[in-house]
Structure formats: structure tokens, C-alpha cells
Amino acid sequence: MKNTIKQLREWQGISQVNLALICDVSRQTINAIENNKYDPSLQLAFDIAKYLNVRIDEVFINEEEDGK
């Protein structure tokens, strides 16, 4: 599963630290998710999408469904 967290976060001027704080996780967790080294829990995925003010399917893309 790939994601657009880094692009969305940077476009909105949000740091990894701020996103981590609002989602109650470490900055390292956000970094690992952005680099596709960790898949977040469903709750964390929804929290990230909510804070970035986008739909969850705009943040997380299933590579199998995307055909890539």
C-alpha cells in the first residue's frame, strides 16, 4: 500500500512532529508510514486522513487496485 501523506502534509505546511502529536504517535511512526515501511492501524489511518482534511482513499492507495 502506498500513500500520499508526505505530499499532503508538506502541501499544507504540517511537520511530521505536528502530525504525530495530533495523532498521538511518534514522529518516527509518521516517517515509517510515509516511507512505506509500516502500515498504520485502521484508526490511525482515519486519524491521519481527518487531520489532513481528505478522504482516506486520497491518502492510502492500494497498489493492487491501482494496477501499479
PDB file of N, CA and C in Angstrom:
ATOM      1  N   MET A   1       0.854  -1.171   0.000  1.00  0.00           N
ATOM      2  CA  MET A   1       0.000   0.000   0.000  1.00  0.00           C
ATOM      3  C   MET A   1       0.898   1.231   0.000  1.00  0.00           C
ATOM      4  N   LYS A   2       0.650   2.118  -0.935  1.00  0.00           N
ATOM      5  CA  LYS A   2       1.411   3.365  -0.940  1.00  0.00           C
ATOM      6  C   LYS A   2       0.533   4.477  -0.380  1.00  0.00           C
ATOM      7  N   ASN A   3       1.153   5.618  -0.098  1.00  0.00           N
ATOM      8  CA  ASN A   3       0.385   6.714   0.476  1.00  0.00           C
ATOM      9  C   ASN A   3       0.902   8.056  -0.019  1.00  0.00           C
ATOM     10  N   THR A   4       0.089   9.073   0.206  1.00  0.00           N
ATOM     11  CA  THR A   4       0.426  10.441  -0.209  1.00  0.00           C
ATOM     12  C   THR A   4       0.586  11.362   1.005  1.00  0.00           C
ATOM     13  N   ILE A   5       0.857  10.788   2.161  1.00  0.00           N
ATOM     14  CA  ILE A   5       0.927  11.579   3.386  1.00  0.00           C
ATOM     15  C   ILE A   5       1.956  12.699   3.267  1.00  0.00           C
ATOM     16  N   LYS A   6       3.163  12.362   2.837  1.00  0.00           N
ATOM     17  CA  LYS A   6       4.219  13.370   2.777  1.00  0.00           C
ATOM     18  C   LYS A   6       3.821  14.540   1.877  1.00  0.00           C
ATOM     19  N   GLN A   7       3.287  14.254   0.705  1.00  0.00           N
ATOM     20  CA  GLN A   7       2.892  15.315  -0.211  1.00  0.00           C
ATOM     21  C   GLN A   7       1.774  16.172   0.377  1.00  0.00           C
ATOM     22  N   LEU A   8       0.766  15.517   0.923  1.00  0.00           N
ATOM     23  CA  LEU A   8      -0.349  16.253   1.525  1.00  0.00           C
ATOM     24  C   LEU A   8       0.111  17.077   2.722  1.00  0.00           C
ATOM     25  N   ARG A   9       0.949  16.476   3.539  1.00  0.00           N
ATOM     26  CA  ARG A   9       1.443  17.143   4.745  1.00  0.00           C
ATOM     27  C   ARG A   9       2.277  18.366   4.380  1.00  0.00           C
ATOM     28  N   GLU A  10       3.210  18.197   3.458  1.00  0.00           N
ATOM     29  CA  GLU A  10       4.072  19.310   3.061  1.00  0.00           C
ATOM     30  C   GLU A  10       3.282  20.406   2.357  1.00  0.00           C
ATOM     31  N   TRP A  11       2.316  20.017   1.509  1.00  0.00           N
ATOM     32  CA  TRP A  11       1.488  20.993   0.811  1.00  0.00           C
ATOM     33  C   TRP A  11       0.721  21.872   1.798  1.00  0.00           C
ATOM     34  N   GLN A  12       0.332  21.270   2.932  1.00  0.00           N
ATOM     35  CA  GLN A  12      -0.422  22.013   3.949  1.00  0.00           C
ATOM     36  C   GLN A  12       0.478  22.656   4.993  1.00  0.00           C
ATOM     37  N   GLY A  13       1.797  22.475   4.871  1.00  0.00           N
ATOM     38  CA  GLY A  13       2.734  23.090   5.809  1.00  0.00           C
ATOM     39  C   GLY A  13       2.719  22.447   7.186  1.00  0.00           C
ATOM     40  N   ILE A  14       2.449  21.152   7.241  1.00  0.00           N
ATOM     41  CA  ILE A  14       2.383  20.425   8.508  1.00  0.00           C
ATOM     42  C   ILE A  14       3.656  19.593   8.651  1.00  0.00           C
ATOM     43  N   SER A  15       4.297  19.695   9.796  1.00  0.00           N
ATOM     44  CA  SER A  15       5.509  18.905  10.029  1.00  0.00           C
ATOM     45  C   SER A  15       5.151  17.486  10.467  1.00  0.00           C
ATOM     46  N   GLN A  16       6.127  16.597  10.347  1.00  0.00           N
ATOM     47  CA  GLN A  16       5.925  15.235  10.856  1.00  0.00           C
ATOM     48  C   GLN A  16       5.630  15.280  12.352  1.00  0.00           C
ATOM     49  N   VAL A  17       6.316  16.144  13.060  1.00  0.00           N
ATOM     50  CA  VAL A  17       6.123  16.259  14.515  1.00  0.00           C
ATOM     51  C   VAL A  17       4.682  16.660  14.832  1.00  0.00           C
ATOM     52  N   ASN A  18       4.167  17.666  14.135  1.00  0.00           N
ATOM     53  CA  ASN A  18       2.793  18.111  14.408  1.00  0.00           C
ATOM     54  C   ASN A  18       1.773  17.036  14.073  1.00  0.00           C
ATOM     55  N   LEU A  19       1.966  16.356  12.948  1.00  0.00           N
ATOM     56  CA  LEU A  19       1.044  15.275  12.588  1.00  0.00           C
ATOM     57  C   LEU A  19       1.110  14.157  13.623  1.00  0.00           C
ATOM     58  N   ALA A  20       2.315  13.841  14.060  1.00  0.00           N
ATOM     59  CA  ALA A  20       2.483  12.799  15.072  1.00  0.00           C
ATOM     60  C   ALA A  20       1.797  13.182  16.381  1.00  0.00           C
ATOM     61  N   LEU A  21       1.972  14.425  16.798  1.00  0.00           N
ATOM     62  CA  LEU A  21       1.356  14.871  18.055  1.00  0.00           C
ATOM     63  C   LEU A  21      -0.165  14.782  18.004  1.00  0.00           C
ATOM     64  N   ILE A  22      -0.749  15.255  16.922  1.00  0.00           N
ATOM     65  CA  ILE A  22      -2.210  15.253  16.823  1.00  0.00           C
ATOM     66  C   ILE A  22      -2.769  13.832  16.726  1.00  0.00           C
ATOM     67  N   CYS A  23      -1.963  12.920  16.162  1.00  0.00           N
ATOM     68  CA  CYS A  23      -2.397  11.524  16.007  1.00  0.00           C
ATOM     69  C   CYS A  23      -1.939  10.646  17.172  1.00  0.00           C
ATOM     70  N   ASP A  24      -1.224  11.230  18.119  1.00  0.00           N
ATOM     71  CA  ASP A  24      -0.759  10.532  19.317  1.00  0.00           C
ATOM     72  C   ASP A  24       0.158   9.345  18.991  1.00  0.00           C
ATOM     73  N   VAL A  25       1.095   9.593  18.077  1.00  0.00           N
ATOM     74  CA  VAL A  25       2.127   8.612  17.733  1.00  0.00           C
ATOM     75  C   VAL A  25       3.467   9.347  17.685  1.00  0.00           C
ATOM     76  N   SER A  26       4.538   8.614  17.484  1.00  0.00           N
ATOM     77  CA  SER A  26       5.850   9.250  17.397  1.00  0.00           C
ATOM     78  C   SER A  26       6.105   9.780  15.986  1.00  0.00           C
ATOM     79  N   ARG A  27       7.036  10.718  15.888  1.00  0.00           N
ATOM     80  CA  ARG A  27       7.440  11.224  14.580  1.00  0.00           C
ATOM     81  C   ARG A  27       7.997  10.087  13.729  1.00  0.00           C
ATOM     82  N   GLN A  28       8.687   9.159  14.393  1.00  0.00           N
ATOM     83  CA  GLN A  28       9.261   8.018  13.683  1.00  0.00           C
ATOM     84  C   GLN A  28       8.170   7.164  13.038  1.00  0.00           C
ATOM     85  N   THR A  29       7.028   7.054  13.690  1.00  0.00           N
ATOM     86  CA  THR A  29       5.907   6.299  13.126  1.00  0.00           C
ATOM     87  C   THR A  29       5.415   6.966  11.853  1.00  0.00           C
ATOM     88  N   ILE A  30       5.253   8.277  11.893  1.00  0.00           N
ATOM     89  CA  ILE A  30       4.817   9.018  10.699  1.00  0.00           C
ATOM     90  C   ILE A  30       5.841   8.836   9.585  1.00  0.00           C
ATOM     91  N   ASN A  31       7.114   8.935   9.920  1.00  0.00           N
ATOM     92  CA  ASN A  31       8.173   8.755   8.938  1.00  0.00           C
ATOM     93  C   ASN A  31       8.115   7.368   8.317  1.00  0.00           C
ATOM     94  N   ALA A  32       7.937   6.345   9.147  1.00  0.00           N
ATOM     95  CA  ALA A  32       7.873   4.971   8.649  1.00  0.00           C
ATOM     96  C   ALA A  32       6.665   4.764   7.734  1.00  0.00           C
ATOM     97  N   ILE A  33       5.533   5.357   8.075  1.00  0.00           N
ATOM     98  CA  ILE A  33       4.346   5.241   7.233  1.00  0.00           C
ATOM     99  C   ILE A  33       4.594   5.941   5.895  1.00  0.00           C
ATOM    100  N   GLU A  34       5.135   7.150   5.949  1.00  0.00           N
ATOM    101  CA  GLU A  34       5.408   7.896   4.718  1.00  0.00           C
ATOM    102  C   GLU A  34       6.350   7.134   3.785  1.00  0.00           C
ATOM    103  N   ASN A  35       7.283   6.391   4.362  1.00  0.00           N
ATOM    104  CA  ASN A  35       8.274   5.663   3.570  1.00  0.00           C
ATOM    105  C   ASN A  35       7.861   4.216   3.289  1.00  0.00           C
ATOM    106  N   ASN A  36       6.577   3.929   3.508  1.00  0.00           N
ATOM    107  CA  ASN A  36       6.011   2.606   3.223  1.00  0.00           C
ATOM    108  C   ASN A  36       6.734   1.473   3.943  1.00  0.00           C
ATOM    109  N   LYS A  37       7.210   1.753   5.145  1.00  0.00           N
ATOM    110  CA  LYS A  37       7.873   0.736   5.953  1.00  0.00           C
ATOM    111  C   LYS A  37       6.949   0.224   7.066  1.00  0.00           C
ATOM    112  N   TYR A  38       5.777   0.854   7.200  1.00  0.00           N
ATOM    113  CA  TYR A  38       4.846   0.496   8.266  1.00  0.00           C
ATOM    114  C   TYR A  38       3.436   0.819   7.795  1.00  0.00           C
ATOM    115  N   ASP A  39       2.528  -0.123   7.932  1.00  0.00           N
ATOM    116  CA  ASP A  39       1.115   0.122   7.626  1.00  0.00           C
ATOM    117  C   ASP A  39       0.413   0.504   8.919  1.00  0.00           C
ATOM    118  N   PRO A  40      -0.243   1.651   8.935  1.00  0.00           N
ATOM    119  CA  PRO A  40      -0.902   2.097  10.163  1.00  0.00           C
ATOM    120  C   PRO A  40      -2.138   1.265  10.477  1.00  0.00           C
ATOM    121  N   SER A  41      -2.545   1.325  11.733  1.00  0.00           N
ATOM    122  CA  SER A  41      -3.817   0.708  12.107  1.00  0.00           C
ATOM    123  C   SER A  41      -4.927   1.459  11.375  1.00  0.00           C
ATOM    124  N   LEU A  42      -6.076   0.847  11.303  1.00  0.00           N
ATOM    125  CA  LEU A  42      -7.211   1.489  10.644  1.00  0.00           C
ATOM    126  C   LEU A  42      -7.553   2.808  11.330  1.00  0.00           C
ATOM    127  N   GLN A  43      -7.532   2.817  12.658  1.00  0.00           N
ATOM    128  CA  GLN A  43      -7.845   4.050  13.389  1.00  0.00           C
ATOM    129  C   GLN A  43      -6.837   5.143  13.075  1.00  0.00           C
ATOM    130  N   LEU A  44      -5.555   4.799  13.060  1.00  0.00           N
ATOM    131  CA  LEU A  44      -4.527   5.797  12.758  1.00  0.00           C
ATOM    132  C   LEU A  44      -4.681   6.302  11.325  1.00  0.00           C
ATOM    133  N   ALA A  45      -4.999   5.424  10.401  1.00  0.00           N
ATOM    134  CA  ALA A  45      -5.211   5.837   9.010  1.00  0.00           C
ATOM    135  C   ALA A  45      -6.346   6.857   8.922  1.00  0.00           C
ATOM    136  N   PHE A  46      -7.442   6.594   9.620  1.00  0.00           N
ATOM    137  CA  PHE A  46      -8.559   7.540   9.629  1.00  0.00           C
ATOM    138  C   PHE A  46      -8.167   8.846  10.308  1.00  0.00           C
ATOM    139  N   ASP A  47      -7.399   8.775  11.388  1.00  0.00           N
ATOM    140  CA  ASP A  47      -6.953   9.989  12.081  1.00  0.00           C
ATOM    141  C   ASP A  47      -6.089  10.859  11.175  1.00  0.00           C
ATOM    142  N   ILE A  48      -5.178  10.229  10.453  1.00  0.00           N
ATOM    143  CA  ILE A  48      -4.307  10.966   9.537  1.00  0.00           C
ATOM    144  C   ILE A  48      -5.138  11.647   8.455  1.00  0.00           C
ATOM    145  N   ALA A  49      -6.041  10.915   7.844  1.00  0.00           N
ATOM    146  CA  ALA A  49      -6.886  11.488   6.787  1.00  0.00           C
ATOM    147  C   ALA A  49      -7.732  12.638   7.334  1.00  0.00           C
ATOM    148  N   LYS A  50      -8.282  12.454   8.510  1.00  0.00           N
ATOM    149  CA  LYS A  50      -9.110  13.505   9.114  1.00  0.00           C
ATOM    150  C   LYS A  50      -8.294  14.762   9.356  1.00  0.00           C
ATOM    151  N   TYR A  51      -7.103  14.617   9.918  1.00  0.00           N
ATOM    152  CA  TYR A  51      -6.276  15.787  10.209  1.00  0.00           C
ATOM    153  C   TYR A  51      -5.819  16.473   8.925  1.00  0.00           C
ATOM    154  N   LEU A  52      -5.566  15.696   7.871  1.00  0.00           N
ATOM    155  CA  LEU A  52      -5.146  16.282   6.598  1.00  0.00           C
ATOM    156  C   LEU A  52      -6.345  16.781   5.786  1.00  0.00           C
ATOM    157  N   ASN A  53      -7.547  16.543   6.324  1.00  0.00           N
ATOM    158  CA  ASN A  53      -8.796  17.027   5.734  1.00  0.00           C
ATOM    159  C   ASN A  53      -9.033  16.475   4.323  1.00  0.00           C
ATOM    160  N   VAL A  54      -8.775  15.185   4.176  1.00  0.00           N
ATOM    161  CA  VAL A  54      -9.002  14.498   2.898  1.00  0.00           C
ATOM    162  C   VAL A  54      -9.656  13.150   3.179  1.00  0.00           C
ATOM    163  N   ARG A  55     -10.203  12.546   2.127  1.00  0.00           N
ATOM    164  CA  ARG A  55     -10.767  11.207   2.277  1.00  0.00           C
ATOM    165  C   ARG A  55      -9.633  10.202   2.441  1.00  0.00           C
ATOM    166  N   ILE A  56      -9.914   9.123   3.123  1.00  0.00           N
ATOM    167  CA  ILE A  56      -8.888   8.115   3.376  1.00  0.00           C
ATOM    168  C   ILE A  56      -8.334   7.535   2.074  1.00  0.00           C
ATOM    169  N   ASP A  57      -9.179   7.416   1.052  1.00  0.00           N
ATOM    170  CA  ASP A  57      -8.687   6.872  -0.217  1.00  0.00           C
ATOM    171  C   ASP A  57      -7.840   7.869  -1.002  1.00  0.00           C
ATOM    172  N   GLU A  58      -7.772   9.108  -0.537  1.00  0.00           N
ATOM    173  CA  GLU A  58      -6.855  10.087  -1.115  1.00  0.00           C
ATOM    174  C   GLU A  58      -5.484  10.006  -0.451  1.00  0.00           C
ATOM    175  N   VAL A  59      -5.422   9.358   0.701  1.00  0.00           N
ATOM    176  CA  VAL A  59      -4.170   9.217   1.443  1.00  0.00           C
ATOM    177  C   VAL A  59      -3.527   7.868   1.176  1.00  0.00           C
ATOM    178  N   PHE A  60      -4.319   6.817   1.225  1.00  0.00           N
ATOM    179  CA  PHE A  60      -3.798   5.455   1.091  1.00  0.00           C
ATOM    180  C   PHE A  60      -4.306   4.828  -0.202  1.00  0.00           C
ATOM    181  N   ILE A  61      -3.371   4.351  -1.021  1.00  0.00           N
ATOM    182  CA  ILE A  61      -3.708   3.781  -2.311  1.00  0.00           C
ATOM    183  C   ILE A  61      -3.279   2.324  -2.336  1.00  0.00           C
ATOM    184  N   ASN A  62      -4.229   1.445  -2.601  1.00  0.00           N
ATOM    185  CA  ASN A  62      -3.923   0.024  -2.716  1.00  0.00           C
ATOM    186  C   ASN A  62      -3.280  -0.205  -4.081  1.00  0.00           C
ATOM    187  N   GLU A  63      -2.030  -0.584  -4.078  1.00  0.00           N
ATOM    188  CA  GLU A  63      -1.291  -0.747  -5.336  1.00  0.00           C
ATOM    189  C   GLU A  63      -1.900  -1.815  -6.230  1.00  0.00           C
ATOM    190  N   GLU A  64      -2.496  -2.837  -5.658  1.00  0.00           N
ATOM    191  CA  GLU A  64      -3.122  -3.890  -6.457  1.00  0.00           C
ATOM    192  C   GLU A  64      -4.324  -3.362  -7.214  1.00  0.00           C
ATOM    193  N   GLU A  65      -5.136  -2.540  -6.567  1.00  0.00           N
ATOM    194  CA  GLU A  65      -6.316  -1.961  -7.218  1.00  0.00           C
ATOM    195  C   GLU A  65      -5.921  -0.882  -8.207  1.00  0.00           C
ATOM    196  N   ASP A  66      -4.805  -0.190  -7.908  1.00  0.00           N
ATOM    197  CA  ASP A  66      -4.325   0.885  -8.764  1.00  0.00           C
ATOM    198  C   ASP A  66      -3.696   0.339 -10.035  1.00  0.00           C
ATOM    199  N   GLY A  67      -3.341  -0.946 -10.019  1.00  0.00           N
ATOM    200  CA  GLY A  67      -2.753  -1.571 -11.186  1.00  0.00           C
ATOM    201  C   GLY A  67      -1.283  -1.267 -11.383  1.00  0.00           C
ATOM    202  N   LYS A  68      -0.621  -0.806 -10.323  1.00  0.00           N
ATOM    203  CA  LYS A  68       0.795  -0.447 -10.437  1.00  0.00           C
ATOM    204  C   LYS A  68       1.649  -1.328  -9.559  1.00  0.00           C
TER     205      LYS A  68
END
